[in-house]
Amino acid sequence: MRKLVFLIGLLFNGAVLFAQATTTNTDSTIRQAPKLPPPTLKKTEGAAMLATNNIITNIYNSPELSNFYKVIQATGLSETLKSQGPITVFAPNNQAFINLTSGKLDTLLTPEHKYDLIAMVTYHTLAGKVTSKDIIHQINANKGLATFTTLTGSKLMAKLDTNRNIVLIDEHGGESVISRFDLEQNNGMIHIVTGVLVPKFKNI
């Protein structure tokens, strides 16, 4: 994944904002992992995705991810998300962006906030192919709270709620539920989430 981090670093003209991501690899055999109940989903959510497509193509094709695609386009990270990978993306659905403070998305899409957007998108991204079973395994192995390192170098945590849904927790304590998981891509994995995740060092 050094190539991915290097490409991101170029956007900052050589700045070292992004640290080398450390992948969180899990054993291929998951013992007695809890089974997640089927989530309630809109039919459009992830429906247009094909496992033969790359991540950015499938995000573009998914009606429920149009706002996230718009954000990615504004960052210039499209080619990075088309790369060989593998990478895992927690993709916020449109409602996640609607739930932001009024006008926040429009503000973020202005040129002066490009670096904030880059940080936000890469905070939703892990190096490696991480499945829902991998996440649950890490939660169980770490007494109910797993920690992952994103491509920003910032920490993202995960837990299970009372309904056995995977809940992601950002560095501000904001929570986002994985509403659809394990969407195979030819260069990794997408999980659709219900909230926008924000790294602590950015005021988004």
N, C-alpha and C. Protein backbone atom coordinates (compact mmCIF):
# COMPACT_ATOMS: atom_id res chain seq x y z
N MET A 1 0.81 -1.20 0.00
CA MET A 1 0.00 0.00 0.00
C MET A 1 0.85 1.26 0.00
N ARG A 2 2.20 1.14 -0.06
CA ARG A 2 3.05 2.33 -0.08
C ARG A 2 2.71 3.24 -1.25
N LYS A 3 2.32 2.62 -2.39
CA LYS A 3 2.00 3.40 -3.57
C LYS A 3 0.80 4.29 -3.31
N LEU A 4 -0.21 3.75 -2.63
CA LEU A 4 -1.41 4.53 -2.32
C LEU A 4 -1.07 5.74 -1.47
N VAL A 5 -0.29 5.50 -0.39
CA VAL A 5 0.04 6.59 0.52
C VAL A 5 0.92 7.61 -0.20
N PHE A 6 1.80 7.15 -1.08
CA PHE A 6 2.66 8.06 -1.83
C PHE A 6 1.84 8.96 -2.73
N LEU A 7 0.83 8.36 -3.43
CA LEU A 7 -0.02 9.15 -4.32
C LEU A 7 -0.78 10.21 -3.56
N ILE A 8 -1.25 9.86 -2.38
CA ILE A 8 -1.97 10.84 -1.56
C ILE A 8 -1.02 11.96 -1.13
N GLY A 9 0.19 11.58 -0.77
CA GLY A 9 1.16 12.57 -0.32
C GLY A 9 1.48 13.58 -1.41
N LEU A 10 1.44 13.18 -2.68
CA LEU A 10 1.72 14.11 -3.77
C LEU A 10 0.73 15.26 -3.80
N LEU A 11 -0.50 15.00 -3.38
CA LEU A 11 -1.52 16.04 -3.39
C LEU A 11 -1.18 17.16 -2.42
N PHE A 12 -0.34 16.90 -1.46
CA PHE A 12 0.08 17.90 -0.48
C PHE A 12 1.44 18.48 -0.82
N ASN A 13 1.88 18.29 -2.08
CA ASN A 13 3.18 18.82 -2.53
C ASN A 13 4.32 18.40 -1.63
N GLY A 14 4.30 17.09 -1.29
CA GLY A 14 5.42 16.55 -0.53
C GLY A 14 5.25 16.65 0.96
N ALA A 15 4.15 17.25 1.43
CA ALA A 15 3.93 17.36 2.89
C ALA A 15 3.72 15.98 3.46
N VAL A 16 3.94 15.84 4.75
CA VAL A 16 3.88 14.53 5.38
C VAL A 16 2.65 14.42 6.26
N LEU A 17 1.52 14.97 5.75
CA LEU A 17 0.28 14.91 6.54
C LEU A 17 -0.18 13.49 6.74
N PHE A 18 0.00 12.68 5.70
CA PHE A 18 -0.49 11.31 5.81
C PHE A 18 0.62 10.35 6.19
N ALA A 19 0.40 9.60 7.24
CA ALA A 19 1.37 8.61 7.69
C ALA A 19 1.14 7.31 6.96
N GLN A 20 2.19 6.50 6.94
CA GLN A 20 2.05 5.16 6.36
C GLN A 20 1.00 4.40 7.14
N ALA A 21 0.00 3.93 6.41
CA ALA A 21 -1.06 3.18 7.09
C ALA A 21 -0.55 1.81 7.48
N THR A 22 -0.94 1.39 8.68
CA THR A 22 -0.61 0.04 9.12
C THR A 22 -1.84 -0.82 8.98
N THR A 23 -1.70 -1.87 8.24
CA THR A 23 -2.87 -2.71 8.00
C THR A 23 -3.16 -3.56 9.21
N THR A 24 -4.41 -3.82 9.39
CA THR A 24 -4.82 -4.69 10.48
C THR A 24 -5.27 -6.00 9.85
N ASN A 25 -4.36 -6.94 9.81
CA ASN A 25 -4.65 -8.22 9.20
C ASN A 25 -5.19 -9.17 10.24
N THR A 26 -6.08 -10.00 9.81
CA THR A 26 -6.68 -10.96 10.71
C THR A 26 -6.47 -12.35 10.19
N ASP A 27 -6.63 -13.33 11.09
CA ASP A 27 -6.50 -14.72 10.69
C ASP A 27 -7.57 -15.05 9.67
N SER A 28 -7.23 -15.91 8.73
CA SER A 28 -8.20 -16.28 7.70
C SER A 28 -9.32 -17.11 8.28
N THR A 29 -9.07 -17.76 9.38
CA THR A 29 -10.11 -18.57 10.01
C THR A 29 -10.69 -17.81 11.18
N ILE A 30 -11.98 -17.48 11.12
CA ILE A 30 -12.66 -16.76 12.18
C ILE A 30 -13.47 -17.77 12.99
N ARG A 31 -13.13 -17.93 14.26
CA ARG A 31 -13.77 -18.94 15.09
C ARG A 31 -14.97 -18.36 15.80
N GLN A 32 -16.13 -18.96 15.56
CA GLN A 32 -17.36 -18.63 16.25
C GLN A 32 -17.66 -17.14 16.21
N ALA A 33 -17.47 -16.51 15.03
CA ALA A 33 -17.80 -15.09 14.89
C ALA A 33 -19.30 -14.92 14.90
N PRO A 34 -19.81 -13.91 15.64
CA PRO A 34 -21.25 -13.69 15.68
C PRO A 34 -21.80 -13.42 14.29
N LYS A 35 -22.98 -13.93 14.03
CA LYS A 35 -23.61 -13.73 12.73
C LYS A 35 -24.43 -12.45 12.77
N LEU A 36 -24.17 -11.56 11.79
CA LEU A 36 -24.90 -10.31 11.76
C LEU A 36 -26.29 -10.51 11.17
N PRO A 37 -27.31 -9.87 11.74
CA PRO A 37 -28.64 -9.97 11.16
C PRO A 37 -28.71 -9.18 9.87
N PRO A 38 -29.60 -9.56 8.93
CA PRO A 38 -29.72 -8.79 7.69
C PRO A 38 -30.18 -7.37 8.00
N PRO A 39 -29.45 -6.35 7.53
CA PRO A 39 -29.87 -4.98 7.79
C PRO A 39 -31.05 -4.57 6.93
N THR A 40 -31.78 -3.56 7.37
CA THR A 40 -32.85 -3.01 6.56
C THR A 40 -32.24 -2.02 5.58
N LEU A 41 -32.41 -2.27 4.29
CA LEU A 41 -31.72 -1.48 3.28
C LEU A 41 -32.68 -0.93 2.23
N LYS A 42 -32.31 0.21 1.68
CA LYS A 42 -32.98 0.65 0.47
C LYS A 42 -32.52 -0.24 -0.67
N LYS A 43 -33.39 -0.54 -1.60
CA LYS A 43 -33.03 -1.44 -2.68
C LYS A 43 -31.88 -0.89 -3.52
N THR A 44 -31.77 0.43 -3.57
CA THR A 44 -30.72 1.03 -4.40
C THR A 44 -29.35 0.94 -3.76
N GLU A 45 -29.31 0.72 -2.47
CA GLU A 45 -28.04 0.83 -1.74
C GLU A 45 -27.07 -0.29 -2.14
N GLY A 46 -26.10 0.06 -2.95
CA GLY A 46 -25.10 -0.91 -3.40
C GLY A 46 -25.59 -1.82 -4.51
N ALA A 47 -26.84 -1.64 -4.96
CA ALA A 47 -27.42 -2.59 -5.91
C ALA A 47 -26.73 -2.57 -7.27
N ALA A 48 -26.19 -1.43 -7.67
CA ALA A 48 -25.59 -1.32 -8.99
C ALA A 48 -24.13 -1.75 -9.02
N MET A 49 -23.60 -2.22 -7.90
CA MET A 49 -22.19 -2.59 -7.84
C MET A 49 -21.93 -3.97 -8.43
N LEU A 50 -20.83 -4.05 -9.15
CA LEU A 50 -20.38 -5.32 -9.71
C LEU A 50 -18.99 -5.63 -9.17
N ALA A 51 -18.78 -6.89 -8.78
CA ALA A 51 -17.49 -7.28 -8.21
C ALA A 51 -16.35 -7.15 -9.21
N THR A 52 -16.68 -7.09 -10.51
CA THR A 52 -15.65 -6.96 -11.54
C THR A 52 -15.19 -5.52 -11.73
N ASN A 53 -15.90 -4.57 -11.12
CA ASN A 53 -15.54 -3.15 -11.22
C ASN A 53 -14.63 -2.73 -10.07
N ASN A 54 -13.92 -1.62 -10.27
CA ASN A 54 -13.11 -1.08 -9.18
C ASN A 54 -13.98 -0.22 -8.26
N ILE A 55 -13.40 0.19 -7.15
CA ILE A 55 -14.14 0.91 -6.12
C ILE A 55 -14.76 2.20 -6.64
N ILE A 56 -14.01 3.02 -7.34
CA ILE A 56 -14.54 4.31 -7.78
C ILE A 56 -15.65 4.13 -8.81
N THR A 57 -15.54 3.13 -9.68
CA THR A 57 -16.60 2.87 -10.66
C THR A 57 -17.89 2.46 -9.98
N ASN A 58 -17.78 1.61 -8.97
CA ASN A 58 -18.98 1.16 -8.27
C ASN A 58 -19.60 2.27 -7.42
N ILE A 59 -18.79 3.14 -6.84
CA ILE A 59 -19.33 4.28 -6.10
C ILE A 59 -20.08 5.20 -7.08
N TYR A 60 -19.51 5.41 -8.25
CA TYR A 60 -20.16 6.24 -9.26
C TYR A 60 -21.50 5.63 -9.69
N ASN A 61 -21.56 4.32 -9.80
CA ASN A 61 -22.77 3.64 -10.27
C ASN A 61 -23.86 3.50 -9.21
N SER A 62 -23.53 3.75 -7.95
CA SER A 62 -24.50 3.55 -6.87
C SER A 62 -25.26 4.84 -6.58
N PRO A 63 -26.59 4.88 -6.79
CA PRO A 63 -27.37 6.10 -6.55
C PRO A 63 -27.26 6.61 -5.12
N GLU A 64 -27.12 5.69 -4.15
CA GLU A 64 -27.09 6.10 -2.75
C GLU A 64 -25.73 6.65 -2.31
N LEU A 65 -24.75 6.64 -3.22
CA LEU A 65 -23.41 7.13 -2.88
C LEU A 65 -23.01 8.33 -3.73
N SER A 66 -23.99 9.01 -4.32
CA SER A 66 -23.68 10.11 -5.24
C SER A 66 -22.97 11.27 -4.53
N ASN A 67 -23.33 11.55 -3.30
CA ASN A 67 -22.65 12.64 -2.56
C ASN A 67 -21.21 12.27 -2.25
N PHE A 68 -20.98 11.00 -1.89
CA PHE A 68 -19.62 10.56 -1.61
C PHE A 68 -18.78 10.61 -2.88
N TYR A 69 -19.36 10.25 -4.01
CA TYR A 69 -18.64 10.33 -5.28
C TYR A 69 -18.26 11.78 -5.57
N LYS A 70 -19.19 12.71 -5.32
CA LYS A 70 -18.93 14.13 -5.54
C LYS A 70 -17.74 14.60 -4.68
N VAL A 71 -17.71 14.13 -3.45
CA VAL A 71 -16.62 14.49 -2.54
C VAL A 71 -15.29 13.93 -3.05
N ILE A 72 -15.30 12.67 -3.48
CA ILE A 72 -14.07 12.05 -4.00
C ILE A 72 -13.56 12.82 -5.21
N GLN A 73 -14.46 13.19 -6.11
CA GLN A 73 -14.06 13.94 -7.30
C GLN A 73 -13.40 15.26 -6.91
N ALA A 74 -13.91 15.90 -5.89
CA ALA A 74 -13.35 17.19 -5.45
C ALA A 74 -11.95 17.04 -4.85
N THR A 75 -11.63 15.85 -4.34
CA THR A 75 -10.32 15.63 -3.72
C THR A 75 -9.24 15.27 -4.73
N GLY A 76 -9.64 14.76 -5.89
CA GLY A 76 -8.66 14.28 -6.86
C GLY A 76 -8.14 12.89 -6.53
N LEU A 77 -8.86 12.15 -5.67
CA LEU A 77 -8.42 10.81 -5.26
C LEU A 77 -9.00 9.68 -6.11
N SER A 78 -9.69 10.02 -7.17
CA SER A 78 -10.34 8.98 -7.99
C SER A 78 -9.35 7.94 -8.50
N GLU A 79 -8.21 8.40 -9.00
CA GLU A 79 -7.23 7.45 -9.54
C GLU A 79 -6.66 6.57 -8.44
N THR A 80 -6.50 7.12 -7.25
CA THR A 80 -6.02 6.32 -6.12
C THR A 80 -7.00 5.20 -5.81
N LEU A 81 -8.30 5.50 -5.84
CA LEU A 81 -9.31 4.50 -5.53
C LEU A 81 -9.57 3.53 -6.69
N LYS A 82 -8.94 3.81 -7.83
CA LYS A 82 -8.99 2.86 -8.96
C LYS A 82 -7.77 1.94 -8.96
N SER A 83 -6.81 2.22 -8.10
CA SER A 83 -5.54 1.50 -8.12
C SER A 83 -5.71 0.04 -7.69
N GLN A 84 -4.66 -0.72 -7.86
CA GLN A 84 -4.72 -2.16 -7.65
C GLN A 84 -5.12 -2.54 -6.22
N GLY A 85 -4.68 -1.75 -5.25
CA GLY A 85 -5.04 -2.06 -3.87
C GLY A 85 -4.34 -3.31 -3.35
N PRO A 86 -5.05 -4.09 -2.49
CA PRO A 86 -6.44 -3.89 -2.12
C PRO A 86 -6.61 -2.82 -1.04
N ILE A 87 -7.76 -2.18 -1.06
CA ILE A 87 -8.14 -1.23 -0.02
C ILE A 87 -9.60 -1.48 0.37
N THR A 88 -9.96 -1.02 1.54
CA THR A 88 -11.33 -1.13 2.04
C THR A 88 -11.86 0.26 2.29
N VAL A 89 -13.06 0.54 1.77
CA VAL A 89 -13.66 1.86 1.91
C VAL A 89 -14.99 1.75 2.67
N PHE A 90 -15.13 2.58 3.70
CA PHE A 90 -16.40 2.74 4.39
C PHE A 90 -17.10 3.93 3.72
N ALA A 91 -18.06 3.64 2.86
CA ALA A 91 -18.67 4.67 2.01
C ALA A 91 -19.94 5.22 2.65
N PRO A 92 -19.96 6.50 3.05
CA PRO A 92 -21.18 7.08 3.62
C PRO A 92 -22.27 7.22 2.55
N ASN A 93 -23.49 6.82 2.90
CA ASN A 93 -24.59 7.00 1.96
C ASN A 93 -25.03 8.46 1.92
N ASN A 94 -25.95 8.78 1.02
CA ASN A 94 -26.36 10.17 0.86
C ASN A 94 -26.96 10.75 2.13
N GLN A 95 -27.71 9.94 2.86
CA GLN A 95 -28.33 10.43 4.09
C GLN A 95 -27.28 10.86 5.11
N ALA A 96 -26.14 10.18 5.10
CA ALA A 96 -25.05 10.55 6.02
C ALA A 96 -24.61 11.98 5.79
N PHE A 97 -24.53 12.39 4.53
CA PHE A 97 -24.12 13.77 4.24
C PHE A 97 -25.26 14.75 4.52
N ILE A 98 -26.49 14.33 4.29
CA ILE A 98 -27.64 15.18 4.62
C ILE A 98 -27.68 15.46 6.11
N ASN A 99 -27.24 14.50 6.91
CA ASN A 99 -27.27 14.65 8.37
C ASN A 99 -26.19 15.59 8.91
N LEU A 100 -25.25 15.99 8.05
CA LEU A 100 -24.25 16.97 8.47
C LEU A 100 -24.94 18.31 8.75
N THR A 101 -24.25 19.17 9.49
CA THR A 101 -24.78 20.51 9.75
C THR A 101 -25.16 21.19 8.44
N SER A 102 -26.25 21.91 8.45
CA SER A 102 -26.76 22.58 7.25
C SER A 102 -25.66 23.38 6.55
N GLY A 103 -25.51 23.11 5.25
CA GLY A 103 -24.52 23.83 4.45
C GLY A 103 -23.11 23.30 4.55
N LYS A 104 -22.88 22.32 5.43
CA LYS A 104 -21.52 21.83 5.65
C LYS A 104 -20.93 21.19 4.39
N LEU A 105 -21.72 20.38 3.68
CA LEU A 105 -21.20 19.72 2.49
C LEU A 105 -20.82 20.75 1.44
N ASP A 106 -21.66 21.75 1.22
CA ASP A 106 -21.34 22.79 0.24
C ASP A 106 -20.05 23.51 0.62
N THR A 107 -19.87 23.75 1.91
CA THR A 107 -18.64 24.41 2.38
C THR A 107 -17.42 23.53 2.12
N LEU A 108 -17.56 22.25 2.40
CA LEU A 108 -16.43 21.34 2.21
C LEU A 108 -16.02 21.22 0.75
N LEU A 109 -16.98 21.42 -0.15
CA LEU A 109 -16.70 21.26 -1.57
C LEU A 109 -16.04 22.49 -2.19
N THR A 110 -15.83 23.53 -1.42
CA THR A 110 -15.12 24.71 -1.94
C THR A 110 -13.63 24.41 -2.03
N PRO A 111 -12.92 25.04 -2.97
CA PRO A 111 -11.49 24.73 -3.19
C PRO A 111 -10.62 24.87 -1.95
N GLU A 112 -10.92 25.83 -1.09
CA GLU A 112 -10.08 26.04 0.09
C GLU A 112 -10.19 24.91 1.11
N HIS A 113 -11.17 24.03 0.95
CA HIS A 113 -11.33 22.92 1.88
C HIS A 113 -10.89 21.58 1.26
N LYS A 114 -10.13 21.65 0.18
CA LYS A 114 -9.73 20.42 -0.51
C LYS A 114 -8.95 19.48 0.43
N TYR A 115 -8.05 20.01 1.23
CA TYR A 115 -7.24 19.16 2.09
C TYR A 115 -8.07 18.54 3.20
N ASP A 116 -9.10 19.28 3.66
CA ASP A 116 -10.03 18.70 4.64
C ASP A 116 -10.76 17.52 4.03
N LEU A 117 -11.15 17.66 2.76
CA LEU A 117 -11.85 16.58 2.08
C LEU A 117 -10.94 15.36 1.89
N ILE A 118 -9.68 15.61 1.53
CA ILE A 118 -8.73 14.50 1.37
C ILE A 118 -8.59 13.74 2.68
N ALA A 119 -8.46 14.48 3.78
CA ALA A 119 -8.35 13.83 5.09
C ALA A 119 -9.60 13.04 5.41
N MET A 120 -10.77 13.60 5.06
CA MET A 120 -12.02 12.92 5.36
C MET A 120 -12.16 11.63 4.55
N VAL A 121 -11.88 11.69 3.25
CA VAL A 121 -12.02 10.50 2.40
C VAL A 121 -11.05 9.41 2.83
N THR A 122 -9.79 9.77 3.09
CA THR A 122 -8.82 8.74 3.46
C THR A 122 -9.06 8.21 4.87
N TYR A 123 -9.77 8.98 5.70
CA TYR A 123 -10.17 8.48 7.02
C TYR A 123 -11.22 7.38 6.90
N HIS A 124 -11.90 7.31 5.76
CA HIS A 124 -12.88 6.26 5.50
C HIS A 124 -12.25 5.06 4.79
N THR A 125 -10.93 5.02 4.75
CA THR A 125 -10.24 4.01 3.93
C THR A 125 -9.17 3.28 4.73
N LEU A 126 -9.16 1.95 4.62
CA LEU A 126 -8.15 1.11 5.25
C LEU A 126 -7.31 0.43 4.17
N ALA A 127 -6.05 0.23 4.46
CA ALA A 127 -5.21 -0.57 3.58
C ALA A 127 -5.57 -2.04 3.77
N GLY A 128 -5.65 -2.77 2.67
CA GLY A 128 -5.98 -4.19 2.73
C GLY A 128 -7.48 -4.43 2.54
N LYS A 129 -7.82 -5.68 2.36
CA LYS A 129 -9.21 -6.10 2.19
C LYS A 129 -9.73 -6.59 3.54
N VAL A 130 -10.62 -5.80 4.14
CA VAL A 130 -11.11 -6.08 5.49
C VAL A 130 -12.60 -6.41 5.41
N THR A 131 -12.96 -7.64 5.73
CA THR A 131 -14.35 -8.07 5.68
C THR A 131 -15.05 -7.79 7.00
N SER A 132 -16.37 -7.97 7.00
CA SER A 132 -17.13 -7.80 8.25
C SER A 132 -16.69 -8.83 9.29
N LYS A 133 -16.37 -10.03 8.86
CA LYS A 133 -15.89 -11.06 9.80
C LYS A 133 -14.55 -10.66 10.41
N ASP A 134 -13.70 -10.04 9.60
CA ASP A 134 -12.43 -9.55 10.13
C ASP A 134 -12.66 -8.51 11.22
N ILE A 135 -13.59 -7.60 10.96
CA ILE A 135 -13.88 -6.55 11.94
C ILE A 135 -14.43 -7.15 13.23
N ILE A 136 -15.38 -8.07 13.10
CA ILE A 136 -15.98 -8.71 14.28
C ILE A 136 -14.93 -9.49 15.06
N HIS A 137 -14.05 -10.16 14.34
CA HIS A 137 -12.98 -10.91 15.00
C HIS A 137 -12.11 -9.96 15.84
N GLN A 138 -11.76 -8.81 15.27
CA GLN A 138 -10.95 -7.84 16.01
C GLN A 138 -11.70 -7.27 17.21
N ILE A 139 -13.00 -7.05 17.06
CA ILE A 139 -13.81 -6.57 18.18
C ILE A 139 -13.78 -7.59 19.32
N ASN A 140 -14.01 -8.85 18.99
CA ASN A 140 -14.02 -9.90 20.01
C ASN A 140 -12.65 -10.10 20.64
N ALA A 141 -11.61 -9.98 19.83
CA ALA A 141 -10.25 -10.20 20.33
C ALA A 141 -9.76 -9.06 21.21
N ASN A 142 -10.44 -7.91 21.13
CA ASN A 142 -10.01 -6.73 21.90
C ASN A 142 -11.09 -6.27 22.88
N LYS A 143 -11.77 -7.25 23.46
CA LYS A 143 -12.72 -7.01 24.55
C LYS A 143 -13.83 -6.03 24.17
N GLY A 144 -14.30 -6.16 22.94
CA GLY A 144 -15.47 -5.39 22.53
C GLY A 144 -15.20 -4.10 21.79
N LEU A 145 -13.93 -3.72 21.63
CA LEU A 145 -13.61 -2.48 20.93
C LEU A 145 -12.34 -2.65 20.11
N ALA A 146 -12.49 -2.68 18.79
CA ALA A 146 -11.35 -2.84 17.90
C ALA A 146 -10.85 -1.47 17.43
N THR A 147 -9.57 -1.40 17.13
CA THR A 147 -8.98 -0.16 16.62
C THR A 147 -8.28 -0.44 15.30
N PHE A 148 -8.57 0.39 14.29
CA PHE A 148 -7.96 0.27 12.98
C PHE A 148 -7.24 1.56 12.63
N THR A 149 -6.19 1.44 11.83
CA THR A 149 -5.46 2.61 11.37
C THR A 149 -5.86 2.90 9.94
N THR A 150 -6.38 4.11 9.69
CA THR A 150 -6.83 4.49 8.36
C THR A 150 -5.66 5.02 7.53
N LEU A 151 -5.93 5.35 6.27
CA LEU A 151 -4.88 5.87 5.41
C LEU A 151 -4.41 7.26 5.80
N THR A 152 -5.15 7.95 6.67
CA THR A 152 -4.66 9.22 7.20
C THR A 152 -3.61 8.99 8.28
N GLY A 153 -3.55 7.77 8.81
CA GLY A 153 -2.72 7.48 9.98
C GLY A 153 -3.49 7.66 11.26
N SER A 154 -4.76 8.07 11.17
CA SER A 154 -5.61 8.27 12.35
C SER A 154 -6.33 6.98 12.71
N LYS A 155 -6.81 6.93 13.95
CA LYS A 155 -7.45 5.73 14.47
C LYS A 155 -8.96 5.76 14.25
N LEU A 156 -9.52 4.60 13.91
CA LEU A 156 -10.95 4.40 13.76
C LEU A 156 -11.30 3.16 14.57
N MET A 157 -12.32 3.28 15.42
CA MET A 157 -12.69 2.16 16.29
C MET A 157 -13.98 1.51 15.84
N ALA A 158 -14.21 0.29 16.31
CA ALA A 158 -15.42 -0.45 15.94
C ALA A 158 -15.91 -1.27 17.13
N LYS A 159 -17.22 -1.37 17.24
CA LYS A 159 -17.85 -2.17 18.28
C LYS A 159 -19.13 -2.78 17.72
N LEU A 160 -19.76 -3.66 18.48
CA LEU A 160 -21.07 -4.20 18.12
C LEU A 160 -22.11 -3.58 19.03
N ASP A 161 -23.26 -3.17 18.46
CA ASP A 161 -24.32 -2.65 19.30
C ASP A 161 -25.21 -3.78 19.78
N THR A 162 -26.29 -3.45 20.47
CA THR A 162 -27.15 -4.48 21.06
C THR A 162 -27.86 -5.32 20.01
N ASN A 163 -27.94 -4.81 18.78
CA ASN A 163 -28.55 -5.57 17.68
C ASN A 163 -27.51 -6.30 16.83
N ARG A 164 -26.28 -6.34 17.32
CA ARG A 164 -25.17 -7.02 16.65
C ARG A 164 -24.77 -6.33 15.34
N ASN A 165 -25.12 -5.05 15.20
CA ASN A 165 -24.63 -4.28 14.05
C ASN A 165 -23.22 -3.78 14.35
N ILE A 166 -22.40 -3.67 13.31
CA ILE A 166 -21.07 -3.10 13.47
C ILE A 166 -21.20 -1.57 13.49
N VAL A 167 -20.68 -0.96 14.54
CA VAL A 167 -20.72 0.50 14.69
C VAL A 167 -19.29 1.03 14.65
N LEU A 168 -19.02 1.94 13.74
CA LEU A 168 -17.72 2.59 13.65
C LEU A 168 -17.74 3.86 14.49
N ILE A 169 -16.63 4.15 15.16
CA ILE A 169 -16.55 5.31 16.05
C ILE A 169 -15.34 6.15 15.64
N ASP A 170 -15.59 7.41 15.28
CA ASP A 170 -14.47 8.26 14.87
C ASP A 170 -13.81 8.91 16.08
N GLU A 171 -12.80 9.72 15.83
CA GLU A 171 -12.00 10.28 16.92
C GLU A 171 -12.71 11.41 17.68
N HIS A 172 -13.88 11.80 17.21
CA HIS A 172 -14.71 12.75 17.94
C HIS A 172 -15.78 12.04 18.76
N GLY A 173 -15.84 10.70 18.64
CA GLY A 173 -16.88 9.95 19.31
C GLY A 173 -18.13 9.78 18.46
N GLY A 174 -18.11 10.32 17.23
CA GLY A 174 -19.23 10.15 16.32
C GLY A 174 -19.37 8.70 15.87
N GLU A 175 -20.60 8.22 15.76
CA GLU A 175 -20.85 6.82 15.42
C GLU A 175 -21.52 6.67 14.05
N SER A 176 -21.17 5.60 13.38
CA SER A 176 -21.70 5.30 12.06
C SER A 176 -21.90 3.80 11.95
N VAL A 177 -23.10 3.37 11.59
CA VAL A 177 -23.42 1.94 11.50
C VAL A 177 -23.14 1.44 10.09
N ILE A 178 -22.55 0.26 9.97
CA ILE A 178 -22.40 -0.38 8.66
C ILE A 178 -23.76 -0.95 8.28
N SER A 179 -24.40 -0.33 7.27
CA SER A 179 -25.74 -0.74 6.88
C SER A 179 -25.73 -1.83 5.80
N ARG A 180 -24.63 -1.89 5.05
CA ARG A 180 -24.46 -2.99 4.09
C ARG A 180 -22.97 -3.30 4.02
N PHE A 181 -22.65 -4.58 4.10
CA PHE A 181 -21.24 -4.93 4.24
C PHE A 181 -20.79 -5.95 3.20
N ASP A 182 -19.47 -6.04 3.05
CA ASP A 182 -18.83 -7.04 2.19
C ASP A 182 -19.24 -6.93 0.72
N LEU A 183 -19.22 -5.72 0.18
CA LEU A 183 -19.47 -5.51 -1.25
C LEU A 183 -18.14 -5.65 -1.98
N GLU A 184 -17.98 -6.77 -2.65
CA GLU A 184 -16.72 -7.10 -3.30
C GLU A 184 -16.41 -6.15 -4.46
N GLN A 185 -15.13 -5.75 -4.56
CA GLN A 185 -14.63 -4.92 -5.65
C GLN A 185 -13.42 -5.62 -6.24
N ASN A 186 -13.06 -5.26 -7.47
CA ASN A 186 -11.89 -5.94 -8.03
C ASN A 186 -10.58 -5.44 -7.44
N ASN A 187 -10.65 -4.37 -6.63
CA ASN A 187 -9.45 -3.88 -5.95
C ASN A 187 -9.67 -3.70 -4.45
N GLY A 188 -10.64 -4.44 -3.91
CA GLY A 188 -10.83 -4.37 -2.47
C GLY A 188 -12.26 -4.62 -2.03
N MET A 189 -12.74 -3.78 -1.11
CA MET A 189 -14.03 -4.01 -0.46
C MET A 189 -14.68 -2.67 -0.12
N ILE A 190 -16.01 -2.63 -0.24
CA ILE A 190 -16.78 -1.48 0.21
C ILE A 190 -17.77 -1.93 1.27
N HIS A 191 -17.89 -1.14 2.35
CA HIS A 191 -18.96 -1.27 3.33
C HIS A 191 -19.70 0.06 3.32
N ILE A 192 -21.02 0.04 3.18
CA ILE A 192 -21.80 1.27 3.18
C ILE A 192 -22.16 1.62 4.61
N VAL A 193 -21.96 2.90 4.99
CA VAL A 193 -22.16 3.33 6.37
C VAL A 193 -23.16 4.48 6.43
N THR A 194 -23.72 4.69 7.62
CA THR A 194 -24.80 5.66 7.81
C THR A 194 -24.35 7.03 8.29
N GLY A 195 -23.06 7.21 8.52
CA GLY A 195 -22.57 8.49 9.03
C GLY A 195 -21.23 8.86 8.43
N VAL A 196 -20.94 10.15 8.39
CA VAL A 196 -19.64 10.64 7.92
C VAL A 196 -18.67 10.62 9.09
N LEU A 197 -17.52 9.97 8.90
CA LEU A 197 -16.51 9.83 9.94
C LEU A 197 -15.49 10.97 9.84
N VAL A 198 -15.08 11.51 10.99
CA VAL A 198 -14.21 12.69 10.99
C VAL A 198 -12.98 12.44 11.87
N PRO A 199 -11.77 12.61 11.33
CA PRO A 199 -10.56 12.48 12.16
C PRO A 199 -10.44 13.63 13.14
N LYS A 200 -9.82 13.39 14.28
CA LYS A 200 -9.77 14.36 15.36
C LYS A 200 -9.03 15.64 15.01
N PHE A 201 -8.00 15.51 14.14
CA PHE A 201 -7.18 16.68 13.89
C PHE A 201 -7.76 17.60 12.83
N LYS A 202 -8.97 17.31 12.38
CA LYS A 202 -9.62 18.19 11.41
C LYS A 202 -10.96 18.66 11.95
N ASN A 203 -11.26 19.93 11.78
CA ASN A 203 -12.53 20.49 12.23
C ASN A 203 -13.51 20.53 11.05
N ILE A 204 -14.09 19.39 10.76
CA ILE A 204 -15.03 19.28 9.64
C ILE A 204 -16.45 19.30 10.20
